[in-house]
Amino acid sequence: MENYILIFVGMVTCLVSFASAKPGIATFYTKYIPFACFKIQDHGKMIVVASDALWKNRAVCGKKFTMKCTEHRNGVPHPCTGKSVTVKVIDQCPGYPSTMDLSREAFKIIAKPVAGIINIDYKKYA
């Protein structure tokens, strides 16, 4: 009985956690170049570049966001894995239509790469 209660509490916590998330659009990129936030410092593969709407004159440099795929945008059926990923903002993608442009490795955690573009829910990582 105690195990069922713990599982239930964990599920409710996850649902409440993403209930405060914002909707957005995610894509991915494969070529890593020097970044606006950290120049050529390596920050691993769990990285993202932010759209103009989030960038706000470098205000999100180094900030972390947690995101989860919610649905497809281009007809690829069932692209979401059901997992979430936490990524660090390392650059800006000016004029880009997506909210977040993830590294391929980070995108692959939350969705099938064949999808290319997905709807997400995201929030600042606490």
N, C-alpha and C. Protein backbone atom coordinates (compact mmCIF):
# COMPACT_ATOMS: atom_id res chain seq x y z
N MET A 1 0.82 -1.20 0.00
CA MET A 1 0.00 0.00 0.00
C MET A 1 0.86 1.26 0.00
N GLU A 2 1.94 1.27 0.81
CA GLU A 2 2.82 2.43 0.89
C GLU A 2 3.47 2.72 -0.46
N ASN A 3 3.83 1.66 -1.20
CA ASN A 3 4.44 1.85 -2.52
C ASN A 3 3.48 2.54 -3.47
N TYR A 4 2.20 2.18 -3.42
CA TYR A 4 1.20 2.82 -4.29
C TYR A 4 1.04 4.29 -3.95
N ILE A 5 1.10 4.61 -2.68
CA ILE A 5 0.98 6.01 -2.26
C ILE A 5 2.17 6.80 -2.76
N LEU A 6 3.37 6.26 -2.64
CA LEU A 6 4.57 6.94 -3.13
C LEU A 6 4.52 7.15 -4.64
N ILE A 7 4.07 6.16 -5.36
CA ILE A 7 3.96 6.28 -6.82
C ILE A 7 2.94 7.36 -7.16
N PHE A 8 1.80 7.36 -6.48
CA PHE A 8 0.77 8.36 -6.74
C PHE A 8 1.29 9.77 -6.45
N VAL A 9 1.97 9.96 -5.33
CA VAL A 9 2.52 11.27 -4.98
C VAL A 9 3.54 11.71 -6.03
N GLY A 10 4.36 10.79 -6.49
CA GLY A 10 5.34 11.11 -7.54
C GLY A 10 4.67 11.54 -8.83
N MET A 11 3.61 10.86 -9.22
CA MET A 11 2.89 11.21 -10.45
C MET A 11 2.24 12.58 -10.32
N VAL A 12 1.63 12.87 -9.20
CA VAL A 12 0.98 14.17 -8.99
C VAL A 12 2.03 15.27 -9.02
N THR A 13 3.18 15.05 -8.41
CA THR A 13 4.25 16.03 -8.40
C THR A 13 4.70 16.35 -9.81
N CYS A 14 4.86 15.34 -10.65
CA CYS A 14 5.26 15.56 -12.04
C CYS A 14 4.21 16.36 -12.80
N LEU A 15 2.94 16.03 -12.60
CA LEU A 15 1.87 16.75 -13.28
C LEU A 15 1.79 18.20 -12.84
N VAL A 16 1.91 18.46 -11.55
CA VAL A 16 1.87 19.82 -11.05
C VAL A 16 3.09 20.59 -11.55
N SER A 17 4.23 19.93 -11.59
CA SER A 17 5.45 20.56 -12.03
C SER A 17 5.32 21.10 -13.46
N PHE A 18 4.78 20.31 -14.37
CA PHE A 18 4.65 20.77 -15.75
C PHE A 18 3.37 21.57 -15.99
N ALA A 19 2.47 21.62 -15.00
CA ALA A 19 1.27 22.43 -15.15
C ALA A 19 1.61 23.91 -15.21
N SER A 20 2.72 24.32 -14.62
CA SER A 20 3.13 25.72 -14.64
C SER A 20 4.05 26.03 -15.82
N ALA A 21 4.25 25.09 -16.71
CA ALA A 21 5.15 25.27 -17.85
C ALA A 21 4.50 26.12 -18.94
N LYS A 22 5.34 26.68 -19.81
CA LYS A 22 4.87 27.49 -20.93
C LYS A 22 4.95 26.65 -22.20
N PRO A 23 4.04 26.88 -23.13
CA PRO A 23 4.12 26.16 -24.41
C PRO A 23 5.16 26.81 -25.32
N GLY A 24 5.76 26.00 -26.16
CA GLY A 24 6.74 26.50 -27.11
C GLY A 24 6.95 25.52 -28.24
N ILE A 25 7.96 25.81 -29.06
CA ILE A 25 8.30 24.98 -30.21
C ILE A 25 9.79 24.66 -30.11
N ALA A 26 10.14 23.42 -30.39
CA ALA A 26 11.55 23.02 -30.36
C ALA A 26 11.97 22.37 -31.67
N THR A 27 13.21 22.64 -32.03
CA THR A 27 13.88 22.01 -33.17
C THR A 27 15.23 21.55 -32.64
N PHE A 28 16.10 21.06 -33.54
CA PHE A 28 17.45 20.70 -33.10
C PHE A 28 18.47 21.08 -34.15
N TYR A 29 19.71 21.15 -33.72
CA TYR A 29 20.82 21.45 -34.63
C TYR A 29 21.94 20.45 -34.38
N THR A 30 22.86 20.37 -35.33
CA THR A 30 23.93 19.39 -35.21
C THR A 30 25.32 20.00 -35.23
N LYS A 31 25.44 21.24 -35.68
CA LYS A 31 26.76 21.86 -35.78
C LYS A 31 26.99 22.78 -34.59
N TYR A 32 28.01 22.47 -33.80
CA TYR A 32 28.31 23.25 -32.62
C TYR A 32 29.45 24.22 -32.92
N ILE A 33 29.20 25.49 -32.69
CA ILE A 33 30.18 26.54 -32.98
C ILE A 33 30.38 27.39 -31.72
N PRO A 34 31.35 28.33 -31.73
CA PRO A 34 31.49 29.21 -30.55
C PRO A 34 30.16 29.87 -30.20
N PHE A 35 29.93 30.05 -28.92
CA PHE A 35 28.63 30.49 -28.45
C PHE A 35 28.68 31.90 -27.88
N ALA A 36 27.58 32.63 -27.98
CA ALA A 36 27.49 34.00 -27.49
C ALA A 36 27.67 34.09 -25.97
N CYS A 37 27.20 33.10 -25.25
CA CYS A 37 27.26 33.16 -23.79
C CYS A 37 28.64 32.80 -23.23
N PHE A 38 29.29 31.82 -23.82
CA PHE A 38 30.50 31.28 -23.21
C PHE A 38 31.67 31.14 -24.17
N LYS A 39 31.57 31.72 -25.33
CA LYS A 39 32.60 31.59 -26.38
C LYS A 39 32.82 30.12 -26.70
N ILE A 40 34.04 29.61 -26.57
CA ILE A 40 34.31 28.24 -26.99
C ILE A 40 34.36 27.23 -25.84
N GLN A 41 33.93 27.63 -24.65
CA GLN A 41 33.91 26.70 -23.52
C GLN A 41 32.93 25.57 -23.79
N ASP A 42 33.34 24.37 -23.46
CA ASP A 42 32.49 23.20 -23.65
C ASP A 42 31.48 23.10 -22.50
N HIS A 43 30.21 23.01 -22.85
CA HIS A 43 29.16 22.85 -21.84
C HIS A 43 28.38 21.57 -22.07
N GLY A 44 29.04 20.60 -22.66
CA GLY A 44 28.42 19.29 -22.87
C GLY A 44 27.43 19.30 -24.02
N LYS A 45 26.56 18.32 -24.02
CA LYS A 45 25.60 18.15 -25.11
C LYS A 45 24.18 18.53 -24.73
N MET A 46 23.91 18.74 -23.45
CA MET A 46 22.56 19.12 -23.02
C MET A 46 22.45 20.64 -23.04
N ILE A 47 22.44 21.17 -24.28
CA ILE A 47 22.49 22.62 -24.50
C ILE A 47 21.37 23.04 -25.45
N VAL A 48 21.11 24.34 -25.44
CA VAL A 48 20.04 24.90 -26.26
C VAL A 48 20.38 26.33 -26.62
N VAL A 49 19.89 26.78 -27.77
CA VAL A 49 19.95 28.19 -28.12
C VAL A 49 18.52 28.73 -28.06
N ALA A 50 18.39 29.95 -27.56
CA ALA A 50 17.08 30.53 -27.29
C ALA A 50 16.65 31.49 -28.39
N SER A 51 15.35 31.59 -28.57
CA SER A 51 14.78 32.52 -29.55
C SER A 51 14.89 33.95 -29.02
N ASP A 52 14.61 34.89 -29.90
CA ASP A 52 14.64 36.30 -29.52
C ASP A 52 13.73 36.58 -28.32
N ALA A 53 12.57 35.93 -28.29
CA ALA A 53 11.60 36.17 -27.22
C ALA A 53 12.16 35.80 -25.85
N LEU A 54 13.01 34.79 -25.78
CA LEU A 54 13.61 34.38 -24.50
C LEU A 54 14.94 35.07 -24.23
N TRP A 55 15.65 35.44 -25.27
CA TRP A 55 17.02 35.93 -25.16
C TRP A 55 17.14 37.17 -24.28
N LYS A 56 16.34 38.17 -24.55
CA LYS A 56 16.28 39.41 -23.76
C LYS A 56 17.66 39.94 -23.39
N ASN A 57 18.45 40.24 -24.42
CA ASN A 57 19.79 40.83 -24.24
C ASN A 57 20.67 40.01 -23.29
N ARG A 58 20.73 38.70 -23.55
CA ARG A 58 21.57 37.76 -22.81
C ARG A 58 21.06 37.43 -21.40
N ALA A 59 19.85 37.80 -21.07
CA ALA A 59 19.33 37.55 -19.72
C ALA A 59 19.25 36.06 -19.39
N VAL A 60 19.13 35.21 -20.41
CA VAL A 60 19.01 33.76 -20.16
C VAL A 60 20.33 33.01 -20.36
N CYS A 61 21.40 33.71 -20.62
CA CYS A 61 22.71 33.05 -20.77
C CYS A 61 23.01 32.21 -19.52
N GLY A 62 23.29 30.94 -19.74
CA GLY A 62 23.65 30.05 -18.65
C GLY A 62 22.47 29.53 -17.85
N LYS A 63 21.27 30.03 -18.10
CA LYS A 63 20.09 29.54 -17.38
C LYS A 63 19.72 28.16 -17.90
N LYS A 64 19.11 27.38 -17.03
CA LYS A 64 18.68 26.04 -17.42
C LYS A 64 17.16 26.00 -17.53
N PHE A 65 16.69 25.21 -18.49
CA PHE A 65 15.28 25.00 -18.71
C PHE A 65 15.01 23.51 -18.79
N THR A 66 13.88 23.11 -18.25
CA THR A 66 13.41 21.74 -18.38
C THR A 66 12.27 21.74 -19.37
N MET A 67 12.28 20.78 -20.29
CA MET A 67 11.22 20.74 -21.29
C MET A 67 10.79 19.33 -21.60
N LYS A 68 9.61 19.25 -22.16
CA LYS A 68 9.02 17.96 -22.51
C LYS A 68 8.24 18.13 -23.81
N CYS A 69 8.36 17.16 -24.68
CA CYS A 69 7.60 17.15 -25.94
C CYS A 69 6.13 16.94 -25.62
N THR A 70 5.25 17.71 -26.27
CA THR A 70 3.81 17.54 -26.05
C THR A 70 3.09 16.96 -27.27
N GLU A 71 3.56 17.29 -28.48
CA GLU A 71 2.95 16.75 -29.69
C GLU A 71 3.75 17.12 -30.94
N HIS A 72 3.40 16.48 -32.04
CA HIS A 72 4.09 16.74 -33.30
C HIS A 72 3.64 18.08 -33.88
N ARG A 73 4.40 18.57 -34.85
CA ARG A 73 4.04 19.79 -35.58
C ARG A 73 4.03 19.55 -37.09
N ASN A 74 4.58 18.44 -37.54
CA ASN A 74 4.72 18.24 -38.98
C ASN A 74 4.17 16.90 -39.47
N GLY A 75 3.27 16.30 -38.73
CA GLY A 75 2.63 15.08 -39.20
C GLY A 75 3.31 13.78 -38.82
N VAL A 76 4.48 13.83 -38.20
CA VAL A 76 5.13 12.60 -37.75
C VAL A 76 4.33 12.06 -36.57
N PRO A 77 3.75 10.88 -36.70
CA PRO A 77 2.91 10.36 -35.60
C PRO A 77 3.74 9.95 -34.38
N HIS A 78 3.25 10.30 -33.23
CA HIS A 78 3.82 9.89 -31.94
C HIS A 78 5.32 10.15 -31.82
N PRO A 79 5.77 11.40 -31.98
CA PRO A 79 7.21 11.66 -31.89
C PRO A 79 7.74 11.73 -30.47
N CYS A 80 6.88 11.98 -29.50
CA CYS A 80 7.32 12.21 -28.11
C CYS A 80 7.70 10.92 -27.40
N THR A 81 8.76 11.00 -26.59
CA THR A 81 9.23 9.84 -25.83
C THR A 81 8.58 9.76 -24.45
N GLY A 82 7.99 10.86 -23.99
CA GLY A 82 7.42 10.90 -22.65
C GLY A 82 8.41 11.35 -21.59
N LYS A 83 9.67 11.54 -21.99
CA LYS A 83 10.71 11.96 -21.05
C LYS A 83 10.85 13.48 -21.09
N SER A 84 11.52 14.03 -20.09
CA SER A 84 11.85 15.45 -20.09
C SER A 84 13.38 15.58 -20.10
N VAL A 85 13.85 16.77 -20.45
CA VAL A 85 15.28 17.02 -20.50
C VAL A 85 15.55 18.41 -19.93
N THR A 86 16.68 18.55 -19.26
CA THR A 86 17.11 19.86 -18.76
C THR A 86 18.32 20.28 -19.57
N VAL A 87 18.24 21.50 -20.11
CA VAL A 87 19.29 22.02 -20.99
C VAL A 87 19.74 23.41 -20.52
N LYS A 88 20.96 23.77 -20.93
CA LYS A 88 21.54 25.06 -20.57
C LYS A 88 21.57 25.95 -21.81
N VAL A 89 21.14 27.20 -21.65
CA VAL A 89 21.15 28.17 -22.75
C VAL A 89 22.59 28.63 -22.97
N ILE A 90 23.06 28.47 -24.22
CA ILE A 90 24.44 28.86 -24.54
C ILE A 90 24.52 29.91 -25.63
N ASP A 91 23.39 30.19 -26.30
CA ASP A 91 23.44 31.11 -27.43
C ASP A 91 22.02 31.57 -27.78
N GLN A 92 21.98 32.47 -28.75
CA GLN A 92 20.73 32.99 -29.28
C GLN A 92 20.57 32.53 -30.72
N CYS A 93 19.34 32.29 -31.13
CA CYS A 93 19.09 32.04 -32.56
C CYS A 93 18.14 33.13 -33.05
N PRO A 94 18.72 34.26 -33.48
CA PRO A 94 17.91 35.42 -33.89
C PRO A 94 17.04 35.13 -35.10
N GLY A 95 15.81 35.60 -35.02
CA GLY A 95 14.88 35.46 -36.14
C GLY A 95 14.39 34.06 -36.37
N TYR A 96 14.69 33.15 -35.49
CA TYR A 96 14.31 31.74 -35.68
C TYR A 96 12.90 31.52 -35.18
N PRO A 97 12.09 30.74 -35.90
CA PRO A 97 10.69 30.57 -35.50
C PRO A 97 10.47 29.69 -34.27
N SER A 98 11.43 28.86 -33.91
CA SER A 98 11.21 28.01 -32.73
C SER A 98 11.57 28.76 -31.46
N THR A 99 11.03 28.31 -30.36
CA THR A 99 11.32 28.90 -29.05
C THR A 99 12.70 28.45 -28.58
N MET A 100 12.99 27.16 -28.79
CA MET A 100 14.26 26.56 -28.36
C MET A 100 14.81 25.69 -29.48
N ASP A 101 16.09 25.83 -29.74
CA ASP A 101 16.79 25.00 -30.72
C ASP A 101 17.79 24.16 -29.94
N LEU A 102 17.46 22.90 -29.72
CA LEU A 102 18.25 22.01 -28.87
C LEU A 102 19.38 21.34 -29.64
N SER A 103 20.36 20.87 -28.87
CA SER A 103 21.35 19.98 -29.48
C SER A 103 20.60 18.71 -29.89
N ARG A 104 21.12 18.03 -30.88
CA ARG A 104 20.47 16.79 -31.33
C ARG A 104 20.35 15.79 -30.18
N GLU A 105 21.37 15.73 -29.35
CA GLU A 105 21.38 14.78 -28.23
C GLU A 105 20.25 15.08 -27.23
N ALA A 106 20.02 16.34 -26.96
CA ALA A 106 18.94 16.71 -26.04
C ALA A 106 17.58 16.47 -26.67
N PHE A 107 17.44 16.81 -27.95
CA PHE A 107 16.17 16.61 -28.66
C PHE A 107 15.79 15.13 -28.65
N LYS A 108 16.79 14.29 -28.89
CA LYS A 108 16.57 12.84 -28.97
C LYS A 108 16.02 12.25 -27.67
N ILE A 109 16.27 12.90 -26.56
CA ILE A 109 15.74 12.41 -25.28
C ILE A 109 14.23 12.62 -25.21
N ILE A 110 13.74 13.73 -25.76
CA ILE A 110 12.31 14.03 -25.64
C ILE A 110 11.48 13.66 -26.87
N ALA A 111 12.15 13.48 -28.02
CA ALA A 111 11.38 13.18 -29.24
C ALA A 111 12.25 12.46 -30.27
N LYS A 112 11.58 11.81 -31.20
CA LYS A 112 12.29 11.17 -32.31
C LYS A 112 12.85 12.26 -33.23
N PRO A 113 14.14 12.21 -33.55
CA PRO A 113 14.73 13.23 -34.43
C PRO A 113 14.04 13.36 -35.78
N VAL A 114 13.43 12.29 -36.29
CA VAL A 114 12.75 12.36 -37.58
C VAL A 114 11.62 13.40 -37.55
N ALA A 115 11.10 13.72 -36.36
CA ALA A 115 10.05 14.72 -36.24
C ALA A 115 10.55 16.10 -36.65
N GLY A 116 11.80 16.42 -36.31
CA GLY A 116 12.40 17.69 -36.71
C GLY A 116 11.92 18.90 -35.94
N ILE A 117 10.63 19.02 -35.74
CA ILE A 117 10.04 20.15 -35.02
C ILE A 117 8.87 19.63 -34.19
N ILE A 118 8.81 20.06 -32.94
CA ILE A 118 7.78 19.56 -32.02
C ILE A 118 7.23 20.69 -31.15
N ASN A 119 6.08 20.46 -30.59
CA ASN A 119 5.56 21.35 -29.56
C ASN A 119 6.11 20.88 -28.23
N ILE A 120 6.43 21.83 -27.37
CA ILE A 120 6.98 21.51 -26.05
C ILE A 120 6.28 22.32 -24.96
N ASP A 121 6.44 21.86 -23.75
CA ASP A 121 6.17 22.65 -22.56
C ASP A 121 7.53 22.83 -21.91
N TYR A 122 7.83 24.06 -21.47
CA TYR A 122 9.14 24.31 -20.87
C TYR A 122 8.98 25.24 -19.67
N LYS A 123 9.94 25.16 -18.80
CA LYS A 123 9.98 26.05 -17.64
C LYS A 123 11.43 26.18 -17.17
N LYS A 124 11.69 27.26 -16.45
CA LYS A 124 13.03 27.44 -15.88
C LYS A 124 13.28 26.33 -14.88
N TYR A 125 14.49 25.82 -14.92
CA TYR A 125 14.90 24.76 -14.01
C TYR A 125 15.19 25.38 -12.64
N ALA A 126 14.63 24.79 -11.62
CA ALA A 126 14.81 25.34 -10.27
C ALA A 126 15.98 24.71 -9.56
